[in-house]
Amino acid sequence: MLNNIEFGKRIALLRKNKNYTQEKMSSFLNVTPQAISKWENGDSLPDTGILPLLAQVLQVSIDYLLVGEILIEKTSPYDNQYQKETYYWGKEPSLLAKQIIKLVDDIPNRSLLDIGSGEGRDAVYFAKNGFQVDALEISEPGIEKIQKYSVENGCNVNILHENMINYELKKTYNIIYSSGSLQFLPLDQRKDHFENYKKNTAVGGINAHLVFVEKPFIKIAPDWEKNEFFYLSGDVPKFYADWQILYYDEQIIDCNSAGLAHQHAVCCIIAKNR
């Protein structure tokens, strides 16, 4: 049975994440702002006929609107791309990965978790530079690419075939890293995930992330999925307010994923556990 209160909280959270007022969202749905308010307060529910449009406006699935859960399976929206011979994201490591290498000469052991490793371009790069790397990846074709690429480079990458949404970290790392993957974390779970990353980072260790930021002047990428959620400017630094921020930047980057030239607004953060 649908819980009106939880449904309302979910709608409000999604709306605020899109930076929409109740008036703005009501104009998209052709309802009154009072109707939006009633939904969010749990006083009423939208007609079933409006759910597809509501899901479209908030960029989530109808299932997520109703139950607040994303189907947890060991599949990836990139499986078809990863099955190809070419590397969807290329083999050149990200600029963020290169920045990490310059920062960590004084960190012992150098254990690293790469969340959402894709085809392994950064995981292999870290392993080549002496890191003990755990690559967390949901896609089986992606994992095969990681294994193949690591063998080609004569290094070892430990594979964690898991979904980042429900994976519980098992150990402490010197570095917890992600590049363009944390948009898959559901909005109402983000804070808990970041707290978990921090809890499992050694003192003096680093968290480094690149996340996609919503900007009104940047079109949504052609391969953006329904279960991907933008961050807003300033979201990620808030999670690290009690850490030392070593680096933070927002920028517009060019991308050619899906074979179509487009742009992303991203923010990069490197934070140290003091």
Protein backbone atom coordinates (compact mmCIF):
# COMPACT_ATOMS: atom_id res chain seq x y z
CA MET A 1 0.00 0.00 0.00
CA LEU A 2 1.31 3.43 -0.96
CA ASN A 3 2.42 5.53 2.01
CA ASN A 4 1.17 9.09 1.40
CA ILE A 5 3.69 10.68 3.78
CA GLU A 6 6.73 8.90 2.32
CA PHE A 7 5.50 9.56 -1.22
CA GLY A 8 5.12 13.25 -0.39
CA LYS A 9 8.60 13.49 1.11
CA ARG A 10 10.04 11.82 -1.97
CA ILE A 11 8.27 14.25 -4.33
CA ALA A 12 9.46 17.23 -2.29
CA LEU A 13 13.06 15.99 -2.24
CA LEU A 14 13.10 15.35 -5.99
CA ARG A 15 11.51 18.74 -6.70
CA LYS A 16 14.02 20.60 -4.55
CA ASN A 17 16.90 18.70 -6.11
CA LYS A 18 15.71 20.01 -9.49
CA ASN A 19 15.54 23.49 -7.93
CA TYR A 20 11.87 23.79 -8.88
CA THR A 21 9.36 25.79 -6.86
CA GLN A 22 5.92 24.29 -6.35
CA GLU A 23 4.63 26.91 -8.78
CA LYS A 24 7.17 25.92 -11.42
CA MET A 25 6.41 22.23 -11.13
CA SER A 26 2.67 22.84 -11.21
CA SER A 27 3.08 24.64 -14.55
CA PHE A 28 4.78 21.56 -16.01
CA LEU A 29 1.99 19.28 -14.81
CA ASN A 30 -0.96 21.60 -15.49
CA VAL A 31 -2.12 21.41 -11.87
CA THR A 32 -2.30 24.02 -9.13
CA PRO A 33 0.54 24.75 -6.69
CA GLN A 34 -1.94 23.78 -3.98
CA ALA A 35 -2.14 20.29 -5.47
CA ILE A 36 1.65 19.95 -5.32
CA SER A 37 1.59 21.11 -1.70
CA LYS A 38 -1.05 18.52 -0.80
CA TRP A 39 0.97 15.74 -2.38
CA GLU A 40 4.13 16.76 -0.55
CA ASN A 41 2.31 17.03 2.80
CA GLY A 42 0.77 13.59 2.34
CA ASP A 43 -2.77 14.97 2.25
CA SER A 44 -3.56 13.53 -1.18
CA LEU A 45 -2.07 11.61 -4.09
CA PRO A 46 -1.87 12.55 -7.78
CA ASP A 47 -4.17 10.80 -10.22
CA THR A 48 -2.55 7.73 -11.75
CA GLY A 49 -2.83 9.32 -15.19
CA ILE A 50 -0.41 12.08 -14.21
CA LEU A 51 2.32 9.74 -12.89
CA PRO A 52 4.12 9.27 -16.25
CA LEU A 53 4.44 13.05 -16.71
CA LEU A 54 5.44 13.54 -13.06
CA ALA A 55 8.15 10.90 -13.44
CA GLN A 56 9.35 12.58 -16.64
CA VAL A 57 9.52 16.02 -15.02
CA LEU A 58 11.48 14.67 -12.04
CA GLN A 59 13.59 12.36 -14.23
CA VAL A 60 12.91 9.17 -12.31
CA SER A 61 10.97 5.99 -12.99
CA ILE A 62 7.35 5.58 -11.90
CA ASP A 63 8.49 2.72 -9.66
CA TYR A 64 10.87 5.06 -7.87
CA LEU A 65 8.11 7.63 -7.41
CA LEU A 66 5.83 5.04 -5.84
CA VAL A 67 8.18 2.98 -3.68
CA GLY A 68 11.39 4.97 -3.49
CA GLU A 69 13.53 2.03 -4.51
CA ILE A 70 15.61 1.31 -7.54
CA LEU A 71 15.72 -2.28 -8.70
CA ILE A 72 18.97 -3.72 -7.45
CA GLU A 73 20.41 -6.05 -10.06
CA LYS A 74 23.91 -6.83 -11.23
CA THR A 75 23.34 -5.22 -14.59
CA SER A 76 24.43 -1.87 -15.95
CA PRO A 77 22.94 0.52 -18.52
CA TYR A 78 26.38 0.41 -20.16
CA ASP A 79 26.52 -3.38 -20.63
CA ASN A 80 25.87 -3.17 -24.38
CA GLN A 81 28.57 -0.56 -24.83
CA TYR A 82 31.09 -2.43 -22.70
CA GLN A 83 30.61 -5.59 -24.79
CA LYS A 84 32.20 -3.85 -27.76
CA GLU A 85 35.91 -4.13 -28.53
CA THR A 86 36.46 -0.40 -28.16
CA TYR A 87 36.59 1.26 -24.76
CA TYR A 88 33.51 3.44 -24.24
CA TRP A 89 35.33 5.89 -21.96
CA GLY A 90 38.73 5.40 -23.59
CA LYS A 91 41.91 4.25 -21.86
CA GLU A 92 43.38 7.62 -20.91
CA PRO A 93 43.06 8.13 -17.13
CA SER A 94 40.98 11.04 -15.91
CA LEU A 95 42.54 14.33 -14.89
CA LEU A 96 41.27 13.74 -11.36
CA ALA A 97 43.14 10.42 -11.19
CA LYS A 98 46.32 12.16 -12.31
CA GLN A 99 45.85 14.80 -9.61
CA ILE A 100 45.59 12.08 -6.97
CA ILE A 101 48.93 10.59 -8.00
CA LYS A 102 50.61 13.96 -7.40
CA LEU A 103 49.11 14.26 -3.91
CA VAL A 104 49.75 10.90 -2.29
CA ASP A 105 53.49 10.30 -2.19
CA ASP A 106 53.41 10.48 1.59
CA ILE A 107 50.51 8.03 2.06
CA PRO A 108 51.65 4.53 3.17
CA ASN A 109 50.09 1.27 1.90
CA ARG A 110 48.16 3.18 -0.76
CA SER A 111 44.95 1.16 -0.70
CA LEU A 112 42.24 2.57 -2.95
CA LEU A 113 38.57 1.90 -3.72
CA ASP A 114 37.39 2.96 -7.19
CA ILE A 115 33.59 3.23 -7.10
CA GLY A 116 31.97 2.54 -10.46
CA SER A 117 35.16 1.59 -12.29
CA GLY A 118 33.52 1.15 -15.69
CA GLU A 119 36.11 -0.42 -17.99
CA GLY A 120 38.97 0.26 -15.62
CA ARG A 121 40.86 3.19 -17.11
CA ASP A 122 41.47 4.80 -13.70
CA ALA A 123 41.66 1.57 -11.67
CA VAL A 124 44.43 0.24 -13.89
CA TYR A 125 46.21 3.60 -13.84
CA PHE A 126 46.24 3.58 -10.03
CA ALA A 127 47.44 -0.05 -9.94
CA LYS A 128 50.28 0.78 -12.35
CA ASN A 129 51.32 3.52 -9.90
CA GLY A 130 51.61 1.14 -6.96
CA PHE A 131 48.14 1.24 -5.44
CA GLN A 132 46.34 -1.78 -4.05
CA VAL A 133 43.10 -1.26 -5.98
CA ASP A 134 39.61 -2.56 -5.34
CA ALA A 135 37.43 -1.85 -8.39
CA LEU A 136 33.73 -1.73 -7.53
CA GLU A 137 31.71 -2.33 -10.69
CA ILE A 138 28.26 -3.73 -11.46
CA SER A 139 28.72 -4.54 -15.16
CA GLU A 140 30.02 -7.99 -16.08
CA PRO A 141 31.25 -6.81 -19.52
CA GLY A 142 32.90 -3.90 -17.74
CA ILE A 143 34.62 -6.27 -15.31
CA GLU A 144 35.91 -8.35 -18.22
CA LYS A 145 37.39 -5.18 -19.72
CA ILE A 146 39.04 -4.27 -16.38
CA GLN A 147 40.59 -7.71 -16.12
CA LYS A 148 41.80 -7.64 -19.73
CA TYR A 149 43.23 -4.14 -19.43
CA SER A 150 45.01 -4.90 -16.14
CA VAL A 151 46.66 -7.99 -17.66
CA GLU A 152 47.78 -5.94 -20.66
CA ASN A 153 49.45 -3.52 -18.25
CA GLY A 154 50.99 -6.18 -16.02
CA CYS A 155 49.22 -5.09 -12.86
CA ASN A 156 46.63 -6.48 -10.48
CA VAL A 157 43.16 -5.03 -9.80
CA ASN A 158 40.87 -6.72 -7.30
CA ILE A 159 37.30 -6.85 -8.62
CA LEU A 160 34.22 -6.24 -6.43
CA HIS A 161 31.23 -7.25 -8.55
CA GLU A 162 28.62 -5.25 -6.66
CA ASN A 163 26.01 -2.53 -7.03
CA MET A 164 27.29 0.61 -5.32
CA ILE A 165 23.80 1.37 -4.00
CA ASN A 166 23.62 -1.56 -1.60
CA TYR A 167 27.30 -2.42 -1.18
CA GLU A 168 28.64 -2.15 2.37
CA LEU A 169 32.31 -1.27 2.59
CA LYS A 170 34.25 -4.07 4.25
CA LYS A 171 37.52 -2.34 5.14
CA THR A 172 39.33 0.96 5.55
CA TYR A 173 41.02 2.60 2.57
CA ASN A 174 43.63 5.31 2.17
CA ILE A 175 41.74 6.67 -0.81
CA ILE A 176 38.09 6.37 -1.87
CA TYR A 177 37.62 7.58 -5.42
CA SER A 178 34.90 7.97 -8.01
CA SER A 179 34.69 9.62 -11.40
CA GLY A 180 31.28 10.16 -12.95
CA SER A 181 29.46 7.34 -11.15
CA LEU A 182 27.83 8.70 -7.99
CA GLN A 183 24.86 10.16 -9.89
CA PHE A 184 23.38 6.65 -9.56
CA LEU A 185 23.04 7.07 -5.79
CA PRO A 186 19.37 7.72 -4.91
CA LEU A 187 18.80 11.21 -3.55
CA ASP A 188 17.50 10.06 -0.19
CA GLN A 189 20.55 7.79 0.35
CA ARG A 190 23.36 10.11 -0.66
CA LYS A 191 24.17 11.46 2.78
CA ASP A 192 24.44 7.94 4.22
CA HIS A 193 26.73 6.81 1.41
CA PHE A 194 29.10 9.74 1.81
CA GLU A 195 29.18 9.22 5.58
CA ASN A 196 30.06 5.58 4.93
CA TYR A 197 32.89 6.58 2.58
CA LYS A 198 34.26 8.93 5.23
CA LYS A 199 33.95 6.35 8.00
CA ASN A 200 35.96 3.86 5.95
CA THR A 201 38.78 6.28 5.09
CA ALA A 202 41.95 6.13 7.18
CA VAL A 203 43.10 9.21 9.09
CA GLY A 204 45.17 11.24 6.66
CA GLY A 205 43.40 9.52 3.77
CA ILE A 206 41.57 11.11 0.85
CA ASN A 207 38.17 11.06 -0.79
CA ALA A 208 38.12 12.29 -4.37
CA HIS A 209 35.01 12.55 -6.56
CA LEU A 210 33.87 13.94 -9.87
CA VAL A 211 30.08 14.36 -10.03
CA PHE A 212 27.69 15.79 -12.58
CA VAL A 213 26.10 19.11 -11.67
CA GLU A 214 22.83 20.40 -13.06
CA LYS A 215 23.11 23.68 -14.96
CA PRO A 216 20.19 25.24 -16.87
CA PHE A 217 22.40 26.11 -19.83
CA ILE A 218 23.74 22.55 -20.31
CA LYS A 219 21.52 20.08 -22.14
CA ILE A 220 21.05 16.63 -20.65
CA ALA A 221 23.49 14.15 -22.21
CA PRO A 222 22.09 11.76 -24.83
CA ASP A 223 23.06 8.70 -22.75
CA TRP A 224 21.72 10.04 -19.41
CA GLU A 225 19.60 7.37 -17.70
CA LYS A 226 16.34 7.66 -15.76
CA ASN A 227 18.05 6.45 -12.58
CA GLU A 228 20.77 9.09 -12.73
CA PHE A 229 20.36 12.16 -10.53
CA PHE A 230 22.25 15.43 -10.84
CA TYR A 231 23.99 17.16 -7.95
CA LEU A 232 23.60 20.87 -7.30
CA SER A 233 26.49 23.29 -6.91
CA GLY A 234 27.84 23.02 -3.38
CA ASP A 235 26.20 19.67 -2.57
CA VAL A 236 29.38 17.61 -2.26
CA PRO A 237 31.48 20.05 -0.18
CA LYS A 238 28.72 20.00 2.44
CA PHE A 239 29.38 16.29 2.99
CA TYR A 240 33.02 17.13 3.74
CA ALA A 241 32.55 20.22 5.90
CA ASP A 242 34.51 18.55 8.73
CA TRP A 243 37.41 17.53 6.46
CA GLN A 244 40.18 19.57 4.86
CA ILE A 245 39.21 20.50 1.30
CA LEU A 246 42.40 20.19 -0.73
CA TYR A 247 40.80 20.97 -4.07
CA TYR A 248 37.38 21.98 -5.38
CA ASP A 249 36.39 23.17 -8.81
CA GLU A 250 33.40 23.33 -11.13
CA GLN A 251 33.85 23.29 -14.87
CA ILE A 252 32.27 22.50 -18.21
CA ILE A 253 33.78 19.53 -20.01
CA ASP A 254 33.38 18.17 -23.52
CA CYS A 255 32.30 14.55 -23.94
CA ASN A 256 31.73 12.20 -26.86
CA SER A 257 30.07 9.24 -25.13
CA ALA A 258 27.29 7.62 -27.16
CA GLY A 259 29.13 8.90 -30.24
CA LEU A 260 27.55 12.34 -29.93
CA ALA A 261 29.44 15.46 -28.98
CA HIS A 262 27.96 17.12 -25.87
CA GLN A 263 28.96 18.82 -22.66
CA HIS A 264 28.69 18.17 -18.93
CA ALA A 265 28.87 20.49 -15.96
CA VAL A 266 30.94 18.74 -13.30
CA CYS A 267 32.44 19.44 -9.92
CA CYS A 268 35.63 17.84 -8.64
CA ILE A 269 36.54 17.58 -4.99
CA ILE A 270 39.54 16.21 -3.12
CA ALA A 271 39.09 16.14 0.65
CA LYS A 272 41.43 14.88 3.39
CA ASN A 273 40.47 13.16 6.63
CA ARG A 274 42.30 15.24 9.24
